[in-house]
Each structure stands twice: as C-alpha cells, then as structure tokens.
Amino acid sequence: MDQRALFLRQVKLFVEKHGFILVPREQNISFMAEHGMTVDDLRRVILSLEPRDMFDGPEPDRDPQRAEKWTVAEFSPEYEEETLYLKLSVRTDVERCKCLSVKLYVDRRETRE
C-alpha cells in the first residue's frame, strides 16, 4: 500500500471511530457558513476522499513542535460542483484527525498569469 492510500486509510478509520477536529480558523468557519456546509457534510467529503484527490503530502507537519507526531496532506475533492482545498492532519498514537483548512481550491498556476 502506498503512502497516500495508507494516509487515507488512517484518516477514514480515525474519523469513523472518533470524528475529527475542525480547527476553528476564521476562513474555515466563514467558508462553511457561506456555502451552507455542515460538519456532517464535511465529514462525508472526508470519508469519500480518494488517493487521486491528494495533491501534496503526506509529510510531517511543518511546525517543528508538531512534526514528530502529526502528518499532513492536502486534497482537492469536488463538493457541490466546486473544487475544495482540504488540509488534513493525522496523529496515529491517539488516532486523531484534524481538518486544518477547508476552502475553495485556487490553482496557484492560474493566479500567476
């Protein structure tokens, strides 16, 4: 099993067992409110992720204080005919998953033109 598939397997297992932590950043709260997305909707998106949705990671958290325990990956799944940007993090020793970011996906290559 490759790293992407293994990461997703852990994400789904931890979300099914314990739910997930939505980091209460302003952008996350605003995006969800503006798009009528509930925590249950986000949970369904997370549980439906496929390896092809991952475009970066998995890799250790870039924050040195979290790098040893948390692994991060970025995704661009479809949700209601829009492409989302999701950043998820897992910690295997406590079987936890965090959603660090949920917003509309912006292809950085398109913004450079």
Foldseek 3Di string as FASTA:
>chain_A
DDPLVVVLVLQLVLCVVPNAAEPPDPQAVVQCVVVVNDSVNVSVQSNPDDSVQWDDDQAADPPVVRRVFKTKTWGFDDDPNFTWIWIKIAGPVVSHIYTHDIHGDDDVVVVVD
